Amino acid sequence: MKLFEQIAKKFNIKQGKNCSNAATAADKQTFDRSGYEFLNSLSKHALKLYEKQIDIKNFTKLVLSDPENTSHNEIVSELFKKGVKDPLENEKLAELADNSKLLEDLGLND
């Protein structure tokens, strides 16, 4: 509590007020809405940047966890054995390129 009182005293000195109780100082102050909105948007932006940084860190850790792990190749080969079609076959890519609905959805077809 002592630290809080010291901060309140420094704040009151800067404001030109002489008040010993921080709660009283907070009651007497009028809050500027534009400053609050600015800080609110700044906080949201900072949170988004933090989440992005955490996502990048987690993705990097996942990707670089074991570069010699080839289990994904085994999973894909098992899927092909079960009859799943390879989406990267030339025939499938040609079908996608000629798909007028897909081209319209992407905005590439007039």
Protein backbone atom coordinates (compact mmCIF):
# COMPACT_ATOMS: atom_id res chain seq x y z
CA MET A 1 0.00 0.00 0.00
CA LYS A 2 2.91 2.29 0.68
CA LEU A 3 4.09 2.02 -2.93
CA PHE A 4 0.60 2.97 -4.14
CA GLU A 5 0.59 6.04 -1.86
CA GLN A 6 4.00 7.12 -3.18
CA ILE A 7 2.78 6.85 -6.76
CA ALA A 8 -0.35 8.81 -5.88
CA LYS A 9 1.73 11.57 -4.26
CA LYS A 10 3.96 11.85 -7.32
CA PHE A 11 0.90 11.98 -9.54
CA ASN A 12 -0.70 14.70 -7.41
CA ILE A 13 2.49 16.77 -7.42
CA LYS A 14 2.57 16.66 -11.22
CA GLN A 15 -1.08 17.68 -11.33
CA GLY A 16 -0.45 20.58 -8.93
CA LYS A 17 -2.75 19.10 -6.28
CA ASN A 18 -1.96 18.28 -2.71
CA CYS A 19 -3.94 15.23 -1.71
CA SER A 20 -2.84 12.42 0.59
CA ASN A 21 -5.48 9.88 -0.37
CA ALA A 22 -5.25 8.31 -3.84
CA ALA A 23 -8.94 7.35 -3.86
CA THR A 24 -9.93 10.98 -3.31
CA ALA A 25 -7.65 12.05 -6.13
CA ALA A 26 -9.27 9.54 -8.47
CA ASP A 27 -12.75 10.77 -7.51
CA LYS A 28 -11.87 14.39 -8.21
CA GLN A 29 -10.31 13.75 -11.59
CA THR A 30 -12.31 14.01 -14.75
CA PHE A 31 -11.46 11.42 -17.36
CA ASP A 32 -10.85 12.38 -20.93
CA ARG A 33 -12.88 10.03 -23.17
CA SER A 34 -10.61 10.46 -26.19
CA GLY A 35 -7.62 9.35 -24.13
CA TYR A 36 -9.54 6.34 -22.87
CA GLU A 37 -10.59 5.35 -26.39
CA PHE A 38 -7.03 5.78 -27.62
CA LEU A 39 -5.67 3.56 -24.83
CA ASN A 40 -8.42 1.02 -25.45
CA SER A 41 -7.57 0.77 -29.16
CA LEU A 42 -3.87 0.70 -28.32
CA SER A 43 -4.48 -2.15 -25.88
CA LYS A 44 -6.42 -4.12 -28.49
CA HIS A 45 -3.64 -3.57 -31.01
CA ALA A 46 -1.01 -4.66 -28.48
CA LEU A 47 -3.03 -7.79 -27.68
CA LYS A 48 -3.28 -8.69 -31.38
CA LEU A 49 0.48 -8.22 -31.79
CA TYR A 50 1.12 -10.38 -28.73
CA GLU A 51 -1.21 -13.13 -29.99
CA LYS A 52 0.49 -13.00 -33.40
CA GLN A 53 3.91 -13.30 -31.78
CA ILE A 54 2.77 -16.28 -29.69
CA ASP A 55 1.24 -17.96 -32.76
CA ILE A 56 4.50 -17.54 -34.68
CA LYS A 57 6.52 -18.87 -31.77
CA ASN A 58 4.25 -21.92 -31.36
CA PHE A 59 4.22 -22.62 -35.10
CA THR A 60 8.00 -22.36 -35.31
CA LYS A 61 8.39 -24.69 -32.34
CA LEU A 62 6.01 -27.17 -33.97
CA VAL A 63 7.69 -27.06 -37.37
CA LEU A 64 11.23 -27.27 -36.06
CA SER A 65 10.50 -29.79 -33.31
CA ASP A 66 11.83 -32.82 -35.19
CA PRO A 67 12.98 -32.19 -38.76
CA GLU A 68 13.69 -35.89 -39.31
CA ASN A 69 10.13 -36.91 -38.44
CA THR A 70 8.57 -38.22 -41.66
CA SER A 71 5.36 -39.56 -40.18
CA HIS A 72 3.36 -37.18 -42.38
CA ASN A 73 4.60 -39.08 -45.47
CA GLU A 74 3.37 -42.35 -43.97
CA ILE A 75 -0.04 -40.84 -43.18
CA VAL A 76 -0.41 -39.52 -46.75
CA SER A 77 0.63 -42.86 -48.28
CA GLU A 78 -1.94 -44.66 -46.07
CA LEU A 79 -4.63 -42.26 -47.30
CA PHE A 80 -3.70 -42.93 -50.93
CA LYS A 81 -3.89 -46.70 -50.25
CA LYS A 82 -7.41 -46.19 -48.88
CA GLY A 83 -8.49 -44.53 -52.13
CA VAL A 84 -8.14 -40.84 -51.37
CA LYS A 85 -7.25 -38.97 -54.55
CA ASP A 86 -4.12 -36.86 -54.77
CA PRO A 87 -5.20 -33.20 -55.08
CA LEU A 88 -1.90 -32.29 -56.74
CA GLU A 89 -2.27 -34.67 -59.70
CA ASN A 90 -2.14 -32.92 -63.06
CA GLU A 91 -5.66 -34.13 -63.90
CA LYS A 92 -7.10 -32.72 -60.66
CA LEU A 93 -5.32 -29.41 -61.14
CA ALA A 94 -6.68 -29.22 -64.69
CA GLU A 95 -10.21 -29.89 -63.38
CA LEU A 96 -9.82 -27.07 -60.86
CA ALA A 97 -8.50 -24.72 -63.53
CA ASP A 98 -11.55 -25.45 -65.70
CA ASN A 99 -14.03 -25.21 -62.82
CA SER A 100 -16.10 -22.14 -63.73
CA LYS A 101 -17.83 -21.94 -60.33
CA LEU A 102 -14.48 -21.90 -58.52
CA LEU A 103 -13.16 -19.22 -60.88
CA GLU A 104 -16.29 -17.13 -60.32
CA ASP A 105 -15.96 -17.49 -56.52
CA LEU A 106 -12.35 -16.33 -56.76
CA GLY A 107 -13.36 -13.42 -58.99
CA LEU A 108 -11.19 -14.60 -61.86
CA ASN A 109 -13.99 -15.35 -64.33
CA ASP A 110 -15.92 -12.56 -66.05
